[in-house]
Amino acid sequence: MNHDDSQDAPQPKAKGKIATRRVARSLAMQALYQWHMAGQSLNEIEAQFRVDNDFSGVDGVYFREILSGVATQKSELDQAFTPLLSIPLEELDPVELSILRLSTWELKNRVDVPYRVVINEGIELAKVFGATDGHKFVNGVLDKLAPSLRAAEVSANKR
């Protein structure tokens, strides 16, 4: 199959918890970006995303948890990573801001997801949706943030 035909190929369905969570994170990051940019309510955005996207390969519960978690903890999440930024929060690229909020929420609230997975997923989202070197920026911030939110796990991994 040549490269031009690949766009016509159906997207593979996500299989397994890891894959369905990855899709949930990707959609949640896009929803958080839209929330930040458009100022719509997250309920409206969630409803729109569920209508506009095939959720059969998505961990819909995780998608909702991320949206509601980030919305209710937004100031707390921003306060967690703002000291690690080299620029003011207001100047952050909205995509990178959405990724940092999502990843910080996961680091704080989802200890069932290893911190290295959270960082890696944030980097991958930045590679797909962010600016050219956005993934390096996201990696740097999350790498500095993880020890303060997951001290025991990070130190156990360094042994």
Protein backbone atom coordinates (compact mmCIF):
# COMPACT_ATOMS: atom_id res chain seq x y z
CA MET A 1 0.00 0.00 0.00
CA ASN A 2 1.50 3.34 -0.92
CA HIS A 3 1.37 6.33 1.43
CA ASP A 4 -1.55 8.02 -0.36
CA ASP A 5 -3.87 5.05 0.22
CA SER A 6 -3.34 5.11 3.97
CA GLN A 7 -5.69 8.07 4.42
CA ASP A 8 -8.57 6.00 3.08
CA ALA A 9 -7.88 3.13 5.47
CA PRO A 10 -10.23 2.94 8.45
CA GLN A 11 -8.64 3.87 11.76
CA PRO A 12 -7.93 0.79 13.87
CA LYS A 13 -10.18 0.40 16.90
CA ALA A 14 -8.40 0.89 20.19
CA LYS A 15 -8.02 -2.40 22.01
CA GLY A 16 -7.28 -2.84 25.68
CA LYS A 17 -7.21 -0.42 28.59
CA ILE A 18 -3.94 1.27 27.59
CA ALA A 19 -5.14 2.04 24.06
CA THR A 20 -8.61 3.22 25.10
CA ARG A 21 -7.07 5.46 27.77
CA ARG A 22 -4.62 6.91 25.23
CA VAL A 23 -7.55 7.86 22.98
CA ALA A 24 -9.44 9.25 26.00
CA ARG A 25 -6.42 11.43 26.89
CA SER A 26 -6.10 12.67 23.33
CA LEU A 27 -9.77 13.64 23.13
CA ALA A 28 -9.72 15.12 26.64
CA MET A 29 -6.69 17.26 25.77
CA GLN A 30 -8.56 18.57 22.70
CA ALA A 31 -11.67 19.22 24.80
CA LEU A 32 -9.61 21.07 27.43
CA TYR A 33 -8.01 23.14 24.67
CA GLN A 34 -11.46 24.03 23.33
CA TRP A 35 -12.65 24.86 26.87
CA HIS A 36 -9.68 27.19 27.33
CA MET A 37 -10.07 28.87 23.92
CA ALA A 38 -13.86 29.08 23.53
CA GLY A 39 -14.93 29.39 27.14
CA GLN A 40 -17.87 27.00 26.60
CA SER A 41 -19.00 24.83 29.48
CA LEU A 42 -17.22 21.49 29.71
CA ASN A 43 -20.61 19.74 29.71
CA GLU A 44 -21.41 21.23 26.29
CA ILE A 45 -17.95 20.36 24.99
CA GLU A 46 -18.17 16.80 26.33
CA ALA A 47 -21.57 16.31 24.70
CA GLN A 48 -20.22 17.68 21.41
CA PHE A 49 -17.16 15.39 21.55
CA ARG A 50 -19.34 12.35 22.23
CA VAL A 51 -21.51 13.20 19.20
CA ASP A 52 -18.63 14.09 16.87
CA ASN A 53 -16.31 11.17 17.72
CA ASP A 54 -16.67 7.41 17.69
CA PHE A 55 -16.38 6.53 21.39
CA SER A 56 -16.35 2.75 20.85
CA GLY A 57 -12.54 2.72 21.26
CA VAL A 58 -12.45 5.31 24.04
CA ASP A 59 -12.40 4.90 27.81
CA GLY A 60 -15.36 7.27 28.18
CA VAL A 61 -15.28 7.15 31.97
CA TYR A 62 -11.63 8.22 31.99
CA PHE A 63 -12.40 10.99 29.46
CA ARG A 64 -15.10 12.36 31.80
CA GLU A 65 -12.85 11.99 34.89
CA ILE A 66 -10.11 14.03 33.23
CA LEU A 67 -12.50 16.80 32.16
CA SER A 68 -14.27 17.12 35.50
CA GLY A 69 -11.04 16.69 37.46
CA VAL A 70 -9.16 19.38 35.54
CA ALA A 71 -12.16 21.73 35.71
CA THR A 72 -12.60 21.40 39.47
CA GLN A 73 -8.85 21.54 40.25
CA LYS A 74 -7.75 24.06 37.60
CA SER A 75 -6.23 26.65 39.99
CA GLU A 76 -4.56 23.97 42.09
CA LEU A 77 -3.10 22.31 38.96
CA ASP A 78 -1.87 25.62 37.57
CA GLN A 79 -0.25 26.45 40.94
CA ALA A 80 1.56 23.09 40.91
CA PHE A 81 3.41 23.65 37.61
CA THR A 82 3.55 27.47 37.30
CA PRO A 83 6.74 27.78 39.43
CA LEU A 84 8.47 25.43 36.96
CA LEU A 85 7.66 27.53 33.88
CA SER A 86 10.27 29.70 32.18
CA ILE A 87 7.50 32.05 30.95
CA PRO A 88 4.34 33.44 32.56
CA LEU A 89 1.35 31.06 32.54
CA GLU A 90 -0.61 33.53 30.37
CA GLU A 91 2.04 33.24 27.61
CA LEU A 92 1.94 29.45 27.47
CA ASP A 93 0.84 27.87 24.22
CA PRO A 94 -2.82 26.78 24.81
CA VAL A 95 -2.06 23.23 23.61
CA GLU A 96 0.86 22.89 26.02
CA LEU A 97 -1.24 24.42 28.82
CA SER A 98 -3.99 21.84 28.19
CA ILE A 99 -1.43 19.00 28.21
CA LEU A 100 0.19 20.27 31.42
CA ARG A 101 -3.18 20.53 33.16
CA LEU A 102 -4.19 17.03 32.06
CA SER A 103 -0.83 15.48 33.00
CA THR A 104 -0.65 17.33 36.34
CA TRP A 105 -4.15 16.10 37.14
CA GLU A 106 -3.06 12.53 36.38
CA LEU A 107 0.10 12.87 38.49
CA LYS A 108 -1.93 14.22 41.44
CA ASN A 109 -4.99 12.00 41.25
CA ARG A 110 -4.23 8.79 39.38
CA VAL A 111 -1.50 6.97 41.27
CA ASP A 112 -2.61 3.82 39.43
CA VAL A 113 -0.94 5.33 36.33
CA PRO A 114 2.86 5.23 36.74
CA TYR A 115 4.42 8.71 36.65
CA ARG A 116 6.65 7.70 33.72
CA VAL A 117 3.53 6.78 31.74
CA VAL A 118 1.94 10.14 32.57
CA ILE A 119 5.06 11.99 31.39
CA ASN A 120 5.37 9.88 28.24
CA GLU A 121 1.69 10.36 27.35
CA GLY A 122 2.08 14.14 27.82
CA ILE A 123 5.14 14.14 25.53
CA GLU A 124 3.29 12.12 22.88
CA LEU A 125 0.31 14.52 22.97
CA ALA A 126 2.70 17.46 22.57
CA LYS A 127 4.40 15.76 19.61
CA VAL A 128 1.03 15.30 17.88
CA PHE A 129 -0.72 18.56 18.78
CA GLY A 130 1.94 20.97 20.03
CA ALA A 131 4.46 23.32 18.50
CA THR A 132 7.71 21.99 17.03
CA ASP A 133 9.63 21.70 20.31
CA GLY A 134 6.56 21.68 22.55
CA HIS A 135 7.25 18.09 23.60
CA LYS A 136 10.65 19.10 25.02
CA PHE A 137 9.02 21.87 27.05
CA VAL A 138 6.27 19.55 28.34
CA ASN A 139 8.88 16.90 29.18
CA GLY A 140 10.99 19.43 31.12
CA VAL A 141 8.07 20.70 33.20
CA LEU A 142 6.59 17.26 33.97
CA ASP A 143 10.03 15.86 34.77
CA LYS A 144 10.53 18.58 37.42
CA LEU A 145 6.94 18.23 38.68
CA ALA A 146 6.81 14.44 39.14
CA PRO A 147 9.16 14.30 42.19
CA SER A 148 7.00 16.76 44.14
CA LEU A 149 3.72 14.96 43.36
CA ARG A 150 5.01 11.36 43.37
CA ALA A 151 8.02 11.52 45.70
CA ALA A 152 7.95 7.89 46.85
CA GLU A 153 7.43 6.47 43.35
CA VAL A 154 10.12 8.66 41.77
CA SER A 155 12.73 7.88 44.46
CA ALA A 156 11.91 4.14 44.25
CA ASN A 157 12.59 4.27 40.51
CA LYS A 158 15.95 5.99 41.01
CA ARG A 159 17.30 3.20 43.23
